Protein backbone atom coordinates (compact mmCIF):
# COMPACT_ATOMS: atom_id res chain seq x y z
CA MET A 1 73.84 106.32 99.96
CA THR A 2 76.89 107.27 102.01
CA GLU A 3 76.38 109.27 105.18
CA GLN A 4 78.99 111.94 105.86
CA LEU A 5 79.80 112.10 109.56
CA VAL A 6 81.22 115.31 110.98
CA PRO A 7 83.39 114.92 114.10
CA GLU A 8 82.38 116.83 117.20
CA GLN A 9 84.57 119.68 118.39
CA THR A 10 86.89 118.59 121.19
CA LYS A 11 88.95 120.46 123.75
CA ALA A 12 92.08 118.34 123.23
CA PRO A 13 94.33 119.29 120.30
CA PHE A 14 94.37 116.95 117.29
CA ALA A 15 97.94 115.71 117.98
CA GLU A 16 97.04 114.87 121.57
CA LEU A 17 93.95 112.90 120.50
CA SER A 18 96.00 111.05 117.91
CA ALA A 19 98.56 110.04 120.54
CA GLN A 20 95.80 108.96 122.95
CA LEU A 21 94.14 106.85 120.26
CA ARG A 22 97.43 105.21 119.25
CA SER A 23 98.14 104.37 122.91
CA ALA A 24 94.64 102.99 123.53
CA LEU A 25 94.65 100.82 120.39
CA ARG A 26 97.85 99.11 121.55
CA ASP A 27 95.52 97.13 123.85
CA HIS A 28 93.60 95.80 120.85
CA PRO A 29 95.35 92.68 119.49
CA GLN A 30 95.61 92.54 115.71
CA ALA A 31 96.71 89.84 113.30
CA VAL A 32 99.97 90.58 111.48
CA THR A 33 99.80 90.39 107.70
CA ILE A 34 102.02 91.21 104.76
CA VAL A 35 100.48 92.70 101.62
CA THR A 36 102.32 92.10 98.33
CA ALA A 37 101.90 93.21 94.72
CA THR A 38 103.99 93.67 91.61
CA GLY A 39 104.74 96.87 89.75
CA ALA A 40 106.87 97.91 86.79
CA ASN A 41 110.02 97.81 88.94
CA GLY A 42 109.30 94.43 90.55
CA PRO A 43 107.62 93.14 93.70
CA VAL A 44 106.63 95.27 96.69
CA GLY A 45 105.37 94.35 100.11
CA VAL A 46 104.53 95.90 103.46
CA THR A 47 103.63 94.63 106.93
CA VAL A 48 100.07 95.59 107.87
CA SER A 49 98.15 94.94 111.08
CA SER A 50 94.87 96.49 109.99
CA PHE A 51 93.12 93.74 108.05
CA THR A 52 89.57 92.43 108.19
CA SER A 53 86.89 90.68 106.23
CA ALA A 54 84.36 93.21 104.98
CA SER A 55 81.63 91.13 103.35
CA MET A 56 80.75 87.51 102.67
CA THR A 57 78.27 88.29 99.88
CA PRO A 58 80.19 89.18 97.82
CA PRO A 59 83.40 88.05 99.52
CA LEU A 60 85.48 91.18 100.25
CA ILE A 61 88.42 92.00 102.52
CA VAL A 62 89.96 95.33 103.54
CA VAL A 63 93.55 96.22 104.42
CA TRP A 64 94.51 99.69 105.56
CA ILE A 65 97.66 101.08 103.95
CA GLY A 66 99.37 104.26 105.12
CA GLU A 67 99.59 106.79 102.29
CA ASN A 68 103.33 107.09 103.00
CA ALA A 69 103.96 103.32 102.83
CA SER A 70 106.69 102.44 100.34
CA ALA A 71 104.36 99.91 98.66
CA TRP A 72 101.51 102.39 98.17
CA PRO A 73 102.63 103.75 94.76
CA VAL A 74 102.35 100.21 93.35
CA LEU A 75 99.19 99.26 95.28
CA ARG A 76 97.56 102.47 94.02
CA SER A 77 97.25 100.96 90.56
CA ALA A 78 97.81 97.20 90.98
CA PRO A 79 94.85 95.17 89.71
CA LEU A 80 95.85 92.24 91.97
CA PHE A 81 97.45 91.94 95.40
CA ALA A 82 97.94 89.27 98.04
CA VAL A 83 97.41 89.28 101.79
CA HIS A 84 99.49 86.82 103.83
CA LEU A 85 98.54 86.12 107.44
CA LEU A 86 101.65 85.14 109.40
CA HIS A 87 102.21 82.47 112.04
CA ALA A 88 103.88 83.01 115.41
CA GLY A 89 107.33 82.00 114.13
CA GLN A 90 107.44 84.72 111.47
CA THR A 91 108.38 87.80 113.50
CA ALA A 92 111.61 88.27 111.51
CA LEU A 93 109.64 88.27 108.25
CA SER A 94 107.19 90.81 109.66
CA ASP A 95 110.07 93.03 110.78
CA LEU A 96 111.77 92.73 107.37
CA PHE A 97 108.64 93.93 105.52
CA ALA A 98 108.06 96.70 108.09
CA ARG A 99 111.57 98.18 107.78
CA THR A 100 112.02 100.99 105.26
CA GLY A 101 114.78 100.31 102.75
CA SER A 102 115.11 96.60 103.52
CA ASP A 103 115.60 93.97 100.80
CA ARG A 104 112.17 92.43 101.31
CA PHE A 105 112.42 89.97 98.44
CA GLY A 106 116.09 89.07 98.94
CA PRO A 107 117.59 85.73 99.97
CA ALA A 108 116.03 85.85 103.46
CA THR A 109 112.50 85.62 101.99
CA ARG A 110 111.04 82.40 100.61
CA TRP A 111 108.74 83.63 97.84
CA GLU A 112 107.84 83.18 94.20
CA PRO A 113 105.59 85.03 91.77
CA ASP A 114 102.23 83.47 91.00
CA VAL A 115 100.88 83.14 87.44
CA ASP A 116 100.18 86.91 87.33
CA GLY A 117 103.45 87.91 88.98
CA VAL A 118 101.95 88.65 92.40
CA PRO A 119 104.51 87.66 95.06
CA GLN A 120 103.44 84.76 97.24
CA LEU A 121 105.23 84.19 100.52
CA LEU A 122 105.71 80.45 100.59
CA ASP A 123 105.70 79.96 104.37
CA ALA A 124 102.57 81.97 105.20
CA PRO A 125 99.78 79.70 106.49
CA LEU A 126 97.10 81.81 104.77
CA ARG A 127 97.31 83.65 101.47
CA LEU A 128 94.45 85.55 99.89
CA ARG A 129 95.02 86.49 96.27
CA CYS A 130 92.71 89.45 95.64
CA ARG A 131 91.40 91.52 92.77
CA THR A 132 91.35 95.20 93.73
CA THR A 133 87.77 96.47 93.79
CA ARG A 134 88.29 99.94 95.25
CA ARG A 135 90.60 102.24 97.11
CA ILE A 136 89.08 104.67 99.59
CA ALA A 137 91.10 107.49 101.12
CA VAL A 138 90.32 107.95 104.82
CA GLY A 139 92.55 110.42 106.66
CA ASP A 140 96.18 109.42 106.19
CA HIS A 141 95.33 105.82 105.17
CA ILE A 142 93.73 104.10 102.23
CA ALA A 143 91.22 101.29 102.58
CA LEU A 144 92.34 98.81 99.94
CA VAL A 145 89.31 96.64 99.23
CA GLY A 146 89.88 93.32 97.55
CA GLU A 147 87.78 90.46 96.27
CA PRO A 148 89.54 87.16 97.04
CA VAL A 149 89.96 85.14 93.85
CA GLU A 150 92.10 82.41 95.44
CA VAL A 151 92.56 81.20 99.00
CA GLN A 152 95.56 79.08 100.03
CA HIS A 153 95.31 77.85 103.60
CA THR A 154 97.32 75.38 105.66
CA GLU A 155 96.93 74.60 109.34
CA SER A 156 98.95 76.91 111.57
CA SER A 157 100.00 76.33 115.15
CA ALA A 158 99.26 79.92 116.17
CA PRO A 159 98.79 83.25 114.36
CA LEU A 160 101.18 86.15 114.84
CA VAL A 161 99.53 89.14 116.54
CA ARG A 162 100.60 92.58 117.75
CA PHE A 163 99.52 93.52 121.26
CA GLN A 164 100.82 96.39 123.41
CA GLY A 165 103.55 97.12 120.87
CA ARG A 166 104.95 93.56 120.96
CA TYR A 167 104.52 90.36 119.04
CA GLY A 168 102.50 87.55 120.54
CA SER A 169 100.31 84.70 119.48
CA ILE A 170 97.11 82.96 120.31
CA ALA A 171 97.56 79.25 120.96
C-alpha cells in the first residue's frame, strides 16, 4: 500500500522554497554518474547526480531524471540502460554529457555499444547495466528504477562528486 503524503501549507512562496532547497542541497555531496541508453536514433546519455541503491533483495537502483532532460524521451521506453559512476579525472566527460546540444558520443568519448546496443563508457570505473523495472513521476523528475543485470567494476583512485556547485573527490 502506498501512503499519499500531503505537504503542509507554508508561508514562503513555492519558488522561494525551491531556491532554498536547491541552495541547501549544494552542501550534500553526491556521486556524479552518466546514464546511457539507445533509441531509434542512436545512443543518448545524460549526467546525473541523483543516484542510489534502492534495494538489495531484489537488487534495485534508482536514478532521478529531469522530465526535460534530452535523454528522457529515449529512457521513457528503453528496456535497458546503464549507469556509469565516474572517477575524479572525468570532469570533462561529466561536463560533456551535461551540456545541451553537445556531441556526447563523438570522438572525445571512449565508448562502445554492448551486446544489446546500450552505450558503455569504457573509462568509467563502475558500470551497472540495468533492466528498467519502473518509472515513477515525482514532481518535475522521474525515478528510473533499474534491476542491475551486469556489474563491471574496476578499482578507482577516487570517485567524482559534486559539492557546493563544484567537482571534488573523496580520496
